[in-house]
C-alpha cells in the first residue's frame, strides 16, 4: 500500500526549495502507478530536514491542503516521522565518520594538493600506522566534546546568543515564524522553551584553516600538530548539538500538530523491528501487516544506499560487529571513548 519516492535523500526542502514543486513531485510515482497498484501512501526520507527551521515552514506552506471551505484540518498535513538516535552514540559515530576517518585518509594517502591546502601536514611524518596518527595527530572525542560544551553552555543560556539571533532572524514581521513569536509575546506567562536554532547561531563563522572555528582555538594552540580542518566541518563542529533533538523538534511542533509528528528511535528499529514497524504502520493509518518476513532478512539500506531494497543480513551485521570488536581489542585506546565525567 506504500509507494515511496524513487530514491532517498531528495533534500528538496533544504537544498533545492528554489526549484518548483513539480521538480520535487517528479521524484514520486505518477498517479497512474498509484491507481494501478492500489497504493495508499507515498513519502520520502531526507535526514537533512530535521535541524533546520525553514524546512517545516516550507513543508507546511507548500504541502498543506485546504478543504472546500478553505480550512486546513489535521488530516490535510503530511505525516512527519522523526528518526532519532541515542545522542552519545550518535555523537561518537559522527566523530568517527566525519572527523577521524577523513583525517586518517588525509594522513595515510596524502597528496601534494592536500598538503598545499593544509601546510601543517608537512610537519607530520609519512608512512606511520593509523594508531600512531590517532594517538599523535588526531584530537580525541573528549577534547571535541569539552570544546563544544563550553560553546553551548554560553550560547544556550537564557537570553543567550542562540535565543537572540533566532528571534532576530525568524521573529520579525517578515520572518518565517513571525506568527509564532508574535503569539508568544502576547502570552504573559509563556512556560514554553524559547525557539532556538543552535546549529545556525552557536558555532560562529569560519576563521582560517589553522583554527577553523573559535570553539577550537584553545585546543589547536595547545596541540598545533593535530589535524582539525576536515571537509565536513559543519558536522564536526556540532557532534553534541546535533543530538539536542528537542531544539529541532520544537520548530516542527510550531507548524504541525503534535499528532502529526511521530518520533522513533533507531535503537527500537534495530532491537524490536517488528513491533516498531507495526507502530509506524498504525500511525500512518495503514492496514495491519506482519513484518516478520521482511525484518527477518536483516537491516535495509545500511550506510549510503539510496534505494530501499538493499538488505544487509543479520549474519553480516553480526560479523561486522565482531570485526569491530576485534579491531578495538587489537587497538586498545584508539576506539571512540567518552570519559565518565562527560558522559
Protein backbone atom coordinates (compact mmCIF):
# COMPACT_ATOMS: atom_id res chain seq x y z
CA UNK A 1 0.00 0.00 0.00
CA UNK A 2 3.03 2.32 0.09
CA UNK A 3 4.91 3.57 -2.96
CA UNK A 4 7.87 5.73 -1.79
CA UNK A 5 9.87 8.27 -3.74
CA UNK A 6 12.22 6.75 -6.29
CA UNK A 7 15.24 7.32 -4.02
CA UNK A 8 16.14 8.56 -0.57
CA UNK A 9 17.51 11.98 0.34
CA UNK A 10 15.81 14.20 -2.21
CA UNK A 11 16.60 17.10 0.16
CA UNK A 12 14.20 19.38 -1.69
CA UNK A 13 13.03 21.48 1.25
CA UNK A 14 16.61 22.03 2.49
CA UNK A 15 18.78 22.45 -0.61
CA UNK A 16 16.52 22.69 -3.66
CA UNK A 17 13.47 24.63 -2.49
CA UNK A 18 14.24 27.31 -5.10
CA UNK A 19 13.04 24.82 -7.72
CA UNK A 20 9.31 24.43 -8.45
CA UNK A 21 7.23 21.80 -6.66
CA UNK A 22 6.90 19.98 -9.98
CA UNK A 23 10.59 19.12 -9.72
CA UNK A 24 10.02 17.66 -6.27
CA UNK A 25 6.92 15.72 -7.30
CA UNK A 26 8.77 14.25 -10.28
CA UNK A 27 10.65 12.08 -7.76
CA UNK A 28 7.46 10.20 -6.89
CA UNK A 29 5.46 7.61 -8.84
CA UNK A 30 2.76 9.11 -11.09
CA UNK A 31 -0.95 8.90 -10.34
CA UNK A 32 -1.41 6.10 -12.88
CA UNK A 33 1.01 3.91 -10.92
CA UNK A 34 -0.85 4.55 -7.68
CA UNK A 35 -4.18 3.65 -9.27
CA UNK A 36 -2.74 0.55 -10.90
CA UNK A 37 -1.18 -0.69 -7.66
CA UNK A 38 -3.95 0.37 -5.32
CA UNK A 39 -1.40 2.26 -3.25
CA UNK A 40 -2.49 4.46 -0.35
CA UNK A 41 0.59 6.46 0.61
CA UNK A 42 3.88 7.83 -0.57
CA UNK A 43 6.75 9.53 1.24
CA UNK A 44 10.43 10.32 1.25
CA UNK A 45 13.41 10.21 3.61
CA UNK A 46 15.81 13.16 3.94
CA UNK A 47 17.89 13.31 7.15
CA UNK A 48 18.95 16.86 6.27
CA UNK A 49 15.47 18.14 7.12
CA UNK A 50 15.41 17.76 10.89
CA UNK A 51 17.73 20.53 12.21
CA UNK A 52 16.58 23.44 10.05
CA UNK A 53 13.59 25.69 10.90
CA UNK A 54 12.96 26.66 7.28
CA UNK A 55 12.16 23.03 6.39
CA UNK A 56 8.99 22.58 8.49
CA UNK A 57 7.89 26.05 7.42
CA UNK A 58 8.28 25.27 3.71
CA UNK A 59 6.63 21.86 4.03
CA UNK A 60 3.73 23.49 5.85
CA UNK A 61 3.35 26.19 3.21
CA UNK A 62 3.75 24.04 0.11
CA UNK A 63 2.11 20.77 1.12
CA UNK A 64 -0.90 21.68 3.22
CA UNK A 65 -4.28 21.05 1.63
CA UNK A 66 -7.32 23.24 2.22
CA UNK A 67 -10.82 21.75 2.13
CA UNK A 68 -13.76 23.18 0.17
CA UNK A 69 -14.23 25.84 2.85
CA UNK A 70 -10.56 26.85 2.64
CA UNK A 71 -9.91 25.37 6.08
CA UNK A 72 -6.85 23.30 6.89
CA UNK A 73 -7.62 20.23 9.03
CA UNK A 74 -5.23 17.88 10.83
CA UNK A 75 -5.72 15.28 8.11
CA UNK A 76 -4.54 17.71 5.43
CA UNK A 77 -0.96 17.87 6.67
CA UNK A 78 1.70 15.30 5.77
CA UNK A 79 2.67 12.83 8.47
CA UNK A 80 6.14 13.56 9.86
CA UNK A 81 8.34 10.72 11.14
CA UNK A 82 11.41 11.90 13.03
CA UNK A 83 14.07 9.20 13.38
CA UNK A 84 16.46 9.90 16.26
CA UNK A 85 19.30 8.04 17.94
CA UNK A 86 20.88 7.88 21.39
CA UNK A 87 22.67 11.26 21.48
CA UNK A 88 26.00 9.99 22.81
CA UNK A 89 26.08 7.09 20.38
CA UNK A 90 25.22 9.48 17.57
CA UNK A 91 27.99 11.86 18.64
CA UNK A 92 30.58 9.05 18.71
CA UNK A 93 29.52 7.89 15.26
CA UNK A 94 29.69 11.43 13.86
CA UNK A 95 33.13 11.97 15.39
CA UNK A 96 34.50 8.79 13.84
CA UNK A 97 32.83 9.15 10.45
CA UNK A 98 33.03 12.91 9.87
CA UNK A 99 36.32 13.65 11.62
CA UNK A 100 38.57 10.68 12.42
CA UNK A 101 38.20 8.71 9.20
CA UNK A 102 38.63 11.70 6.81
CA UNK A 103 41.63 12.92 8.82
CA UNK A 104 43.24 9.48 8.70
CA UNK A 105 42.59 9.32 4.96
CA UNK A 106 44.48 12.58 4.53
CA UNK A 107 47.41 11.37 6.61
CA UNK A 108 47.71 7.89 5.13
CA UNK A 109 47.01 8.80 1.49
CA UNK A 110 48.04 12.42 1.39
CA UNK A 111 48.76 14.17 -1.89
CA UNK A 112 50.64 17.31 -2.85
CA UNK A 113 47.31 19.08 -3.35
CA UNK A 114 46.10 18.22 0.16
CA UNK A 115 49.41 19.40 1.64
CA UNK A 116 49.16 22.66 -0.30
CA UNK A 117 45.75 23.26 1.25
CA UNK A 118 46.89 22.19 4.72
CA UNK A 119 50.58 23.13 5.17
CA UNK A 120 50.70 21.75 8.72
CA UNK A 121 50.58 18.24 7.22
CA UNK A 122 54.17 18.72 6.08
CA UNK A 123 55.25 18.60 9.74
CA UNK A 124 53.72 15.14 10.17
CA UNK A 125 55.83 12.09 9.22
CA UNK A 126 54.81 9.78 6.38
CA UNK A 127 54.27 6.05 6.50
CA UNK A 128 53.08 5.63 10.07
CA UNK A 129 50.25 3.38 11.28
CA UNK A 130 46.69 4.59 11.85
CA UNK A 131 47.14 4.01 15.58
CA UNK A 132 50.21 6.29 15.56
CA UNK A 133 48.31 9.05 13.75
CA UNK A 134 45.29 8.70 16.07
CA UNK A 135 47.47 8.98 19.15
CA UNK A 136 49.69 11.84 17.99
CA UNK A 137 47.88 13.86 15.34
CA UNK A 138 44.12 13.50 15.90
CA UNK A 139 42.11 15.17 18.62
CA UNK A 140 40.24 12.89 20.98
CA UNK A 141 36.48 12.64 21.28
CA UNK A 142 36.76 14.04 24.81
CA UNK A 143 38.59 17.12 23.53
CA UNK A 144 35.92 17.76 20.91
CA UNK A 145 33.12 17.35 23.44
CA UNK A 146 34.67 19.67 26.02
CA UNK A 147 35.28 22.38 23.44
CA UNK A 148 31.72 22.21 22.14
CA UNK A 149 30.11 22.08 25.58
CA UNK A 150 31.88 25.33 26.51
CA UNK A 151 30.29 26.96 23.46
CA UNK A 152 26.82 25.51 24.06
CA UNK A 153 26.72 26.43 27.76
CA UNK A 154 27.21 30.08 26.88
CA UNK A 155 25.16 30.15 23.67
CA UNK A 156 22.09 28.33 25.06
CA UNK A 157 21.79 30.18 28.35
CA UNK A 158 18.57 32.23 28.83
CA UNK A 159 18.88 35.38 26.77
CA UNK A 160 22.00 33.98 25.11
CA UNK A 161 23.16 34.35 21.52
CA UNK A 162 21.07 31.47 20.13
CA UNK A 163 17.84 32.82 21.60
CA UNK A 164 18.51 36.40 20.48
CA UNK A 165 19.66 35.51 16.96
CA UNK A 166 16.79 33.06 16.42
CA UNK A 167 14.28 35.76 17.27
CA UNK A 168 16.15 38.29 15.15
CA UNK A 169 16.02 36.07 12.06
CA UNK A 170 12.73 34.20 12.38
CA UNK A 171 10.63 36.56 14.52
CA UNK A 172 10.36 39.90 12.59
CA UNK A 173 7.12 40.70 10.74
CA UNK A 174 8.58 39.22 7.55
CA UNK A 175 10.21 36.25 9.32
CA UNK A 176 9.19 32.65 8.68
CA UNK A 177 7.89 32.25 12.24
CA UNK A 178 6.65 35.80 12.83
CA UNK A 179 3.23 34.47 13.82
CA UNK A 180 4.70 32.15 16.46
CA UNK A 181 6.89 34.82 18.07
CA UNK A 182 4.04 37.32 18.00
CA UNK A 183 1.70 34.85 19.71
CA UNK A 184 4.25 34.03 22.36
CA UNK A 185 4.80 37.73 23.04
CA UNK A 186 1.09 38.17 23.82
CA UNK A 187 1.20 35.43 26.46
CA UNK A 188 2.14 36.94 29.80
CA UNK A 189 3.41 33.71 31.32
CA UNK A 190 4.63 31.54 28.47
CA UNK A 191 6.22 28.47 30.06
CA UNK A 192 7.44 27.07 26.76
CA UNK A 193 11.14 26.85 25.99
CA UNK A 194 12.38 29.63 23.68
CA UNK A 195 12.64 28.76 20.00
CA UNK A 196 16.35 28.25 19.41
CA UNK A 197 18.37 27.35 16.34
CA UNK A 198 21.63 26.33 17.96
CA UNK A 199 23.07 24.78 14.81
CA UNK A 200 22.88 28.08 12.96
CA UNK A 201 23.93 30.53 15.66
CA UNK A 202 26.14 28.83 18.27
CA UNK A 203 29.22 27.93 16.29
CA UNK A 204 30.30 31.14 14.63
CA UNK A 205 31.93 31.75 11.26
CA UNK A 206 34.97 30.03 9.82
CA UNK A 207 38.23 31.74 10.84
CA UNK A 208 41.04 30.08 8.87
CA UNK A 209 42.49 26.65 8.01
CA UNK A 210 44.58 26.60 11.19
CA UNK A 211 41.74 27.49 13.55
CA UNK A 212 38.56 26.78 11.58
CA UNK A 213 36.20 27.86 14.38
CA UNK A 214 36.61 29.82 17.60
CA UNK A 215 35.46 26.86 19.71
CA UNK A 216 38.70 25.03 18.85
CA UNK A 217 41.13 27.91 19.37
CA UNK A 218 42.42 26.68 22.74
CA UNK A 219 42.95 23.04 21.76
CA UNK A 220 44.60 23.99 18.45
CA UNK A 221 47.05 26.25 20.23
CA UNK A 222 47.72 23.52 22.79
CA UNK A 223 48.22 20.82 20.13
CA UNK A 224 49.44 22.53 16.93
CA UNK A 225 50.41 19.22 15.27
CA UNK A 226 46.90 17.77 15.41
CA UNK A 227 44.52 17.97 12.43
CA UNK A 228 41.14 19.62 12.77
CA UNK A 229 40.20 21.20 9.45
CA UNK A 230 38.32 18.42 7.60
CA UNK A 231 35.73 18.62 4.83
CA UNK A 232 32.54 18.13 6.90
CA UNK A 233 33.31 20.97 9.27
CA UNK A 234 29.62 21.83 9.72
CA UNK A 235 29.02 18.33 11.13
CA UNK A 236 32.22 18.04 13.15
CA UNK A 237 31.54 21.31 14.95
CA UNK A 238 28.21 20.07 16.35
CA UNK A 239 28.64 16.43 17.32
CA UNK A 240 26.79 17.24 20.57
CA UNK A 241 24.45 19.92 19.24
CA UNK A 242 23.04 17.65 16.53
CA UNK A 243 21.79 15.36 19.31
CA UNK A 244 19.73 18.08 21.05
CA UNK A 245 16.59 16.89 19.28
CA UNK A 246 14.21 18.90 21.46
CA UNK A 247 15.55 22.13 19.95
CA UNK A 248 14.89 20.90 16.40
CA UNK A 249 11.50 19.36 17.07
CA UNK A 250 10.17 22.49 18.74
CA UNK A 251 10.22 24.27 15.35
CA UNK A 252 8.31 21.38 13.76
CA UNK A 253 5.68 21.50 16.50
CA UNK A 254 5.08 25.17 15.67
CA UNK A 255 3.99 24.22 12.16
CA UNK A 256 2.40 20.81 12.66
CA UNK A 257 0.05 19.46 15.33
CA UNK A 258 1.76 17.12 17.76
CA UNK A 259 -0.33 14.24 16.39
CA UNK A 260 1.34 14.72 13.01
CA UNK A 261 4.90 14.28 14.31
CA UNK A 262 5.90 10.75 15.28
CA UNK A 263 9.30 10.28 16.92
CA UNK A 264 11.01 6.88 16.86
CA UNK A 265 14.47 5.68 17.89
CA UNK A 266 16.86 3.77 15.64
CA UNK A 267 17.60 1.51 18.63
CA UNK A 268 13.95 0.39 18.61
CA UNK A 269 14.09 -0.32 14.88
CA UNK A 270 17.21 -2.42 15.42
CA UNK A 271 16.21 -4.24 18.63
CA UNK A 272 12.43 -4.52 18.15
CA UNK A 273 11.91 -4.21 14.38
CA UNK A 274 8.53 -5.98 14.09
CA UNK A 275 6.91 -4.06 16.94
CA UNK A 276 8.35 -0.72 15.84
CA UNK A 277 7.32 -1.18 12.20
CA UNK A 278 3.79 -2.12 13.31
CA UNK A 279 3.57 1.05 15.41
CA UNK A 280 4.68 3.17 12.45
CA UNK A 281 2.19 1.43 10.18
CA UNK A 282 -0.61 2.06 12.67
CA UNK A 283 0.38 5.72 12.98
CA UNK A 284 0.16 6.09 9.20
CA UNK A 285 -3.30 4.52 9.18
CA UNK A 286 -2.24 1.52 7.14
CA UNK A 287 -3.88 -1.92 7.44
CA UNK A 288 -2.26 -4.40 9.80
CA UNK A 289 0.72 -6.20 8.32
CA UNK A 290 3.04 -8.93 9.54
CA UNK A 291 6.56 -7.53 9.05
CA UNK A 292 8.30 -10.71 10.22
CA UNK A 293 9.24 -11.93 6.74
CA UNK A 294 10.70 -8.52 5.97
CA UNK A 295 12.64 -7.89 9.17
CA UNK A 296 13.96 -11.45 9.38
CA UNK A 297 16.02 -10.77 6.27
CA UNK A 298 18.11 -8.11 8.00
CA UNK A 299 18.54 -4.35 8.01
CA UNK A 300 17.72 -2.30 4.94
CA UNK A 301 19.83 0.34 3.25
CA UNK A 302 22.64 0.36 5.76
CA UNK A 303 25.22 3.03 5.02
CA UNK A 304 24.91 5.07 1.84
CA UNK A 305 22.39 3.04 -0.17
CA UNK A 306 20.00 5.50 -1.79
CA UNK A 307 17.34 2.93 -2.69
CA UNK A 308 15.01 0.96 -0.45
CA UNK A 309 15.59 -2.71 -1.17
CA UNK A 310 19.25 -3.35 -0.34
CA UNK A 311 19.34 -5.83 2.55
CA UNK A 312 22.24 -6.47 4.91
CA UNK A 313 21.60 -9.81 6.62
CA UNK A 314 21.65 -10.13 10.38
CA UNK A 315 24.58 -12.56 9.96
CA UNK A 316 26.58 -9.89 8.10
CA UNK A 317 25.71 -7.32 10.75
CA UNK A 318 26.80 -9.72 13.48
CA UNK A 319 30.08 -10.46 11.67
CA UNK A 320 30.72 -6.73 11.24
CA UNK A 321 30.07 -6.17 14.95
CA UNK A 322 32.56 -8.95 15.81
CA UNK A 323 35.14 -7.43 13.43
CA UNK A 324 34.70 -4.05 15.07
CA UNK A 325 35.14 -5.68 18.46
CA UNK A 326 38.33 -7.41 17.29
CA UNK A 327 39.63 -4.10 15.94
CA UNK A 328 39.05 -2.49 19.31
CA UNK A 329 40.85 -5.33 21.10
CA UNK A 330 43.85 -5.00 18.81
CA UNK A 331 43.89 -1.19 19.06
CA UNK A 332 43.23 -0.65 22.75
CA UNK A 333 42.97 3.05 23.49
CA UNK A 334 42.06 4.15 19.96
CA UNK A 335 38.34 3.42 19.90
CA UNK A 336 35.95 6.31 20.38
CA UNK A 337 35.51 6.81 24.11
CA UNK A 338 33.95 9.38 26.38
CA UNK A 339 35.09 9.93 29.93
CA UNK A 340 32.70 9.04 32.74
CA UNK A 341 32.70 12.68 33.82
CA UNK A 342 31.42 13.96 30.48
CA UNK A 343 29.01 11.08 29.89
